[in-house]
Amino acid sequence: MQTVAYIKEEEFDSIITADSGVVVFDFTASWCGPCKMVAPMMDKLAQEFEGTVKVAKVDLDQSKTLAKRLGIRSIPAVMIYKDGNLMETIVGVSPYEKFSDAVKTLL
């Protein structure tokens, strides 16, 4: 199974555009235990919706400015955008279905 790739802070704004469709960002950090529990769910999400949804990870230790701008105070935080607009934020560890259902409602 493929693993979701990390993006750099500078790439964020170019990924969520007015015609970007559904984009899922997993805001994480290497030292975060709960983030390690969410990671395989993001890989599964990327595989399930391959070709229709983009899934990316953001390491908050290297993206502090972006975290502040987006108001992220605790991780893991999964933010789901559609065509450049934030549609849902899921903070903490949740069942896989919560992530997949959130994506399905936006497709």
N, C-alpha and C. Protein backbone atom coordinates (compact mmCIF):
# COMPACT_ATOMS: atom_id res chain seq x y z
N MET A 1 0.85 -1.19 0.00
CA MET A 1 0.00 0.00 0.00
C MET A 1 0.89 1.24 0.00
N GLN A 2 0.54 2.18 -0.84
CA GLN A 2 1.32 3.41 -0.92
C GLN A 2 1.13 4.25 0.34
N THR A 3 2.13 5.05 0.64
CA THR A 3 1.97 5.97 1.75
C THR A 3 1.76 7.37 1.20
N VAL A 4 0.99 8.14 1.91
CA VAL A 4 0.65 9.50 1.50
C VAL A 4 1.90 10.36 1.61
N ALA A 5 2.15 11.16 0.59
CA ALA A 5 3.36 11.98 0.55
C ALA A 5 3.19 13.26 1.37
N TYR A 6 4.30 13.71 1.92
CA TYR A 6 4.34 14.99 2.62
C TYR A 6 4.47 16.12 1.62
N ILE A 7 3.83 17.24 1.91
CA ILE A 7 4.01 18.44 1.09
C ILE A 7 4.69 19.49 1.95
N LYS A 8 5.33 20.44 1.27
CA LYS A 8 5.97 21.54 1.98
C LYS A 8 4.95 22.66 2.18
N GLU A 9 5.20 23.46 3.19
CA GLU A 9 4.31 24.58 3.52
C GLU A 9 4.04 25.46 2.30
N GLU A 10 5.06 25.69 1.48
CA GLU A 10 4.91 26.57 0.31
C GLU A 10 3.96 25.99 -0.73
N GLU A 11 3.79 24.68 -0.75
CA GLU A 11 2.94 24.02 -1.74
C GLU A 11 1.45 24.11 -1.41
N PHE A 12 1.13 24.36 -0.16
CA PHE A 12 -0.26 24.29 0.32
C PHE A 12 -1.22 25.12 -0.54
N ASP A 13 -0.93 26.39 -0.72
CA ASP A 13 -1.85 27.28 -1.43
C ASP A 13 -2.00 26.91 -2.90
N SER A 14 -0.97 26.31 -3.50
CA SER A 14 -1.09 25.94 -4.91
C SER A 14 -1.89 24.65 -5.08
N ILE A 15 -2.06 23.89 -4.02
CA ILE A 15 -2.82 22.64 -4.10
C ILE A 15 -4.32 22.88 -3.96
N ILE A 16 -4.71 23.81 -3.06
CA ILE A 16 -6.14 24.07 -2.88
C ILE A 16 -6.55 25.29 -3.70
N THR A 17 -6.98 25.01 -4.92
CA THR A 17 -7.42 26.07 -5.83
C THR A 17 -8.93 25.96 -6.04
N ALA A 18 -9.49 26.91 -6.75
CA ALA A 18 -10.94 26.95 -6.97
C ALA A 18 -11.45 25.73 -7.75
N ASP A 19 -10.55 25.05 -8.45
CA ASP A 19 -10.98 23.86 -9.21
C ASP A 19 -10.19 22.61 -8.80
N SER A 20 -9.74 22.58 -7.54
CA SER A 20 -8.90 21.46 -7.09
C SER A 20 -9.69 20.21 -6.70
N GLY A 21 -11.03 20.34 -6.61
CA GLY A 21 -11.81 19.19 -6.18
C GLY A 21 -11.63 18.96 -4.69
N VAL A 22 -11.71 17.70 -4.27
CA VAL A 22 -11.60 17.36 -2.85
C VAL A 22 -10.13 17.07 -2.52
N VAL A 23 -9.62 17.77 -1.51
CA VAL A 23 -8.24 17.59 -1.05
C VAL A 23 -8.27 17.38 0.46
N VAL A 24 -7.60 16.31 0.91
CA VAL A 24 -7.54 15.98 2.33
C VAL A 24 -6.11 16.23 2.81
N PHE A 25 -5.97 17.03 3.87
CA PHE A 25 -4.66 17.28 4.46
C PHE A 25 -4.62 16.66 5.85
N ASP A 26 -3.59 15.87 6.09
CA ASP A 26 -3.34 15.26 7.40
C ASP A 26 -2.22 16.05 8.05
N PHE A 27 -2.55 16.87 9.04
CA PHE A 27 -1.55 17.66 9.74
C PHE A 27 -1.01 16.81 10.89
N THR A 28 0.29 16.58 10.88
CA THR A 28 0.90 15.59 11.75
C THR A 28 2.28 16.03 12.22
N ALA A 29 2.90 15.23 13.05
CA ALA A 29 4.28 15.45 13.49
C ALA A 29 4.88 14.09 13.83
N SER A 30 6.18 13.97 13.65
CA SER A 30 6.85 12.67 13.85
C SER A 30 6.78 12.19 15.29
N TRP A 31 6.68 13.10 16.25
CA TRP A 31 6.66 12.74 17.67
C TRP A 31 5.26 12.44 18.20
N CYS A 32 4.24 12.61 17.37
CA CYS A 32 2.84 12.51 17.79
C CYS A 32 2.33 11.06 17.68
N GLY A 33 2.09 10.44 18.84
CA GLY A 33 1.60 9.06 18.87
C GLY A 33 0.26 8.87 18.18
N PRO A 34 -0.76 9.68 18.52
CA PRO A 34 -2.06 9.53 17.85
C PRO A 34 -1.97 9.74 16.32
N CYS A 35 -1.03 10.59 15.89
CA CYS A 35 -0.85 10.81 14.45
C CYS A 35 -0.45 9.51 13.74
N LYS A 36 0.34 8.70 14.43
CA LYS A 36 0.77 7.42 13.87
C LYS A 36 -0.42 6.47 13.70
N MET A 37 -1.47 6.65 14.50
CA MET A 37 -2.67 5.84 14.37
C MET A 37 -3.53 6.30 13.19
N VAL A 38 -3.47 7.58 12.87
CA VAL A 38 -4.26 8.13 11.76
C VAL A 38 -3.57 7.86 10.42
N ALA A 39 -2.25 7.79 10.40
CA ALA A 39 -1.48 7.64 9.15
C ALA A 39 -1.97 6.49 8.26
N PRO A 40 -2.14 5.25 8.80
CA PRO A 40 -2.60 4.18 7.91
C PRO A 40 -4.02 4.41 7.36
N MET A 41 -4.83 5.15 8.11
CA MET A 41 -6.17 5.48 7.62
C MET A 41 -6.10 6.45 6.44
N MET A 42 -5.13 7.36 6.48
CA MET A 42 -4.95 8.30 5.37
C MET A 42 -4.46 7.55 4.13
N ASP A 43 -3.57 6.56 4.34
CA ASP A 43 -3.10 5.73 3.23
C ASP A 43 -4.28 4.98 2.60
N LYS A 44 -5.15 4.43 3.44
CA LYS A 44 -6.32 3.70 2.96
C LYS A 44 -7.26 4.64 2.22
N LEU A 45 -7.44 5.85 2.75
CA LEU A 45 -8.30 6.85 2.11
C LEU A 45 -7.77 7.20 0.72
N ALA A 46 -6.46 7.40 0.63
CA ALA A 46 -5.83 7.73 -0.65
C ALA A 46 -6.03 6.60 -1.65
N GLN A 47 -5.95 5.37 -1.16
CA GLN A 47 -6.12 4.22 -2.04
C GLN A 47 -7.58 4.08 -2.47
N GLU A 48 -8.51 4.22 -1.53
CA GLU A 48 -9.93 4.07 -1.83
C GLU A 48 -10.42 5.11 -2.83
N PHE A 49 -9.94 6.34 -2.70
CA PHE A 49 -10.41 7.42 -3.56
C PHE A 49 -9.37 7.84 -4.60
N GLU A 50 -8.47 6.94 -4.94
CA GLU A 50 -7.41 7.24 -5.90
C GLU A 50 -8.01 7.73 -7.22
N GLY A 51 -7.48 8.82 -7.71
CA GLY A 51 -7.97 9.38 -8.97
C GLY A 51 -9.08 10.41 -8.79
N THR A 52 -9.72 10.45 -7.62
CA THR A 52 -10.80 11.41 -7.41
C THR A 52 -10.51 12.38 -6.27
N VAL A 53 -9.66 11.97 -5.31
CA VAL A 53 -9.35 12.80 -4.14
C VAL A 53 -7.85 12.82 -3.95
N LYS A 54 -7.31 13.99 -3.65
CA LYS A 54 -5.88 14.10 -3.34
C LYS A 54 -5.73 14.08 -1.82
N VAL A 55 -4.80 13.28 -1.33
CA VAL A 55 -4.52 13.20 0.10
C VAL A 55 -3.05 13.55 0.30
N ALA A 56 -2.77 14.47 1.22
CA ALA A 56 -1.39 14.89 1.48
C ALA A 56 -1.18 15.06 2.99
N LYS A 57 0.07 14.91 3.41
CA LYS A 57 0.43 15.12 4.81
C LYS A 57 1.23 16.41 4.93
N VAL A 58 1.08 17.06 6.07
CA VAL A 58 1.85 18.27 6.36
C VAL A 58 2.50 18.07 7.73
N ASP A 59 3.84 18.12 7.76
CA ASP A 59 4.58 18.01 9.02
C ASP A 59 4.58 19.38 9.68
N LEU A 60 3.88 19.49 10.79
CA LEU A 60 3.74 20.80 11.43
C LEU A 60 5.03 21.31 12.06
N ASP A 61 5.98 20.42 12.34
CA ASP A 61 7.27 20.90 12.85
C ASP A 61 8.00 21.71 11.78
N GLN A 62 7.70 21.44 10.50
CA GLN A 62 8.32 22.20 9.42
C GLN A 62 7.37 23.20 8.80
N SER A 63 6.17 23.31 9.34
CA SER A 63 5.15 24.20 8.77
C SER A 63 4.45 25.01 9.85
N LYS A 64 5.22 25.57 10.75
CA LYS A 64 4.65 26.30 11.89
C LYS A 64 3.82 27.52 11.47
N THR A 65 4.27 28.22 10.43
CA THR A 65 3.55 29.39 9.95
C THR A 65 2.18 28.99 9.41
N LEU A 66 2.13 27.88 8.67
CA LEU A 66 0.87 27.39 8.12
C LEU A 66 -0.06 26.94 9.25
N ALA A 67 0.47 26.26 10.24
CA ALA A 67 -0.34 25.81 11.38
C ALA A 67 -0.99 27.00 12.07
N LYS A 68 -0.21 28.05 12.26
CA LYS A 68 -0.72 29.25 12.92
C LYS A 68 -1.80 29.90 12.07
N ARG A 69 -1.54 30.00 10.76
CA ARG A 69 -2.48 30.61 9.83
C ARG A 69 -3.83 29.86 9.80
N LEU A 70 -3.76 28.54 9.89
CA LEU A 70 -4.97 27.72 9.83
C LEU A 70 -5.61 27.51 11.20
N GLY A 71 -4.95 27.98 12.25
CA GLY A 71 -5.51 27.85 13.60
C GLY A 71 -5.45 26.45 14.17
N ILE A 72 -4.46 25.68 13.76
CA ILE A 72 -4.33 24.31 14.26
C ILE A 72 -3.67 24.35 15.63
N ARG A 73 -4.39 23.85 16.63
CA ARG A 73 -3.88 23.87 18.00
C ARG A 73 -3.57 22.48 18.53
N SER A 74 -4.18 21.46 17.94
CA SER A 74 -3.86 20.10 18.37
C SER A 74 -3.87 19.17 17.16
N ILE A 75 -3.06 18.13 17.27
CA ILE A 75 -2.94 17.16 16.18
C ILE A 75 -3.18 15.76 16.73
N PRO A 76 -3.53 14.81 15.91
CA PRO A 76 -3.71 14.94 14.47
C PRO A 76 -4.94 15.78 14.12
N ALA A 77 -4.79 16.53 13.04
CA ALA A 77 -5.91 17.32 12.51
C ALA A 77 -6.00 17.02 11.02
N VAL A 78 -7.17 16.59 10.61
CA VAL A 78 -7.41 16.30 9.20
C VAL A 78 -8.38 17.36 8.69
N MET A 79 -7.93 18.10 7.69
CA MET A 79 -8.76 19.17 7.12
C MET A 79 -9.12 18.79 5.69
N ILE A 80 -10.41 18.86 5.39
CA ILE A 80 -10.90 18.45 4.08
C ILE A 80 -11.42 19.68 3.34
N TYR A 81 -10.85 19.91 2.17
CA TYR A 81 -11.20 21.06 1.34
C TYR A 81 -11.91 20.59 0.08
N LYS A 82 -12.79 21.44 -0.43
CA LYS A 82 -13.38 21.21 -1.75
C LYS A 82 -13.30 22.51 -2.53
N ASP A 83 -12.65 22.44 -3.68
CA ASP A 83 -12.48 23.61 -4.55
C ASP A 83 -11.97 24.83 -3.79
N GLY A 84 -11.01 24.60 -2.91
CA GLY A 84 -10.36 25.69 -2.20
C GLY A 84 -11.01 26.12 -0.90
N ASN A 85 -12.17 25.55 -0.56
CA ASN A 85 -12.88 25.93 0.65
C ASN A 85 -12.81 24.83 1.70
N LEU A 86 -12.50 25.21 2.94
CA LEU A 86 -12.46 24.24 4.03
C LEU A 86 -13.88 23.79 4.31
N MET A 87 -14.11 22.48 4.22
CA MET A 87 -15.45 21.92 4.42
C MET A 87 -15.58 21.20 5.75
N GLU A 88 -14.50 20.57 6.22
CA GLU A 88 -14.58 19.82 7.47
C GLU A 88 -13.20 19.69 8.10
N THR A 89 -13.18 19.72 9.43
CA THR A 89 -11.96 19.48 10.19
C THR A 89 -12.26 18.39 11.21
N ILE A 90 -11.42 17.36 11.21
CA ILE A 90 -11.57 16.26 12.16
C ILE A 90 -10.29 16.24 13.01
N VAL A 91 -10.43 16.51 14.30
CA VAL A 91 -9.28 16.56 15.20
C VAL A 91 -9.25 15.30 16.06
N GLY A 92 -8.08 14.72 16.18
CA GLY A 92 -7.93 13.52 17.00
C GLY A 92 -8.08 12.26 16.19
N VAL A 93 -8.01 11.12 16.89
CA VAL A 93 -8.15 9.83 16.24
C VAL A 93 -9.64 9.51 16.13
N SER A 94 -10.07 9.18 14.93
CA SER A 94 -11.46 8.81 14.68
C SER A 94 -11.50 7.52 13.89
N PRO A 95 -12.65 6.84 13.88
CA PRO A 95 -12.75 5.64 13.04
C PRO A 95 -12.58 6.01 11.57
N TYR A 96 -12.09 5.07 10.77
CA TYR A 96 -11.86 5.31 9.35
C TYR A 96 -13.13 5.82 8.66
N GLU A 97 -14.28 5.29 9.05
CA GLU A 97 -15.54 5.65 8.41
C GLU A 97 -15.84 7.15 8.52
N LYS A 98 -15.40 7.76 9.59
CA LYS A 98 -15.63 9.20 9.75
C LYS A 98 -14.91 9.98 8.65
N PHE A 99 -13.68 9.56 8.33
CA PHE A 99 -12.93 10.22 7.27
C PHE A 99 -13.54 9.92 5.90
N SER A 100 -13.83 8.65 5.64
CA SER A 100 -14.35 8.28 4.32
C SER A 100 -15.75 8.85 4.08
N ASP A 101 -16.59 8.87 5.11
CA ASP A 101 -17.93 9.45 4.96
C ASP A 101 -17.86 10.95 4.68
N ALA A 102 -16.93 11.64 5.35
CA ALA A 102 -16.74 13.07 5.12
C ALA A 102 -16.35 13.34 3.67
N VAL A 103 -15.50 12.49 3.12
CA VAL A 103 -15.06 12.64 1.74
C VAL A 103 -16.23 12.31 0.78
N LYS A 104 -16.95 11.22 1.06
CA LYS A 104 -18.05 10.81 0.18
C LYS A 104 -19.11 11.88 0.05
N THR A 105 -19.41 12.60 1.13
CA THR A 105 -20.44 13.63 1.05
C THR A 105 -20.03 14.79 0.17
N LEU A 106 -18.72 14.95 -0.06
CA LEU A 106 -18.24 16.06 -0.88
C LEU A 106 -18.06 15.69 -2.35
N LEU A 107 -18.16 14.42 -2.65
CA LEU A 107 -17.97 13.98 -4.05
C LEU A 107 -19.26 14.07 -4.85
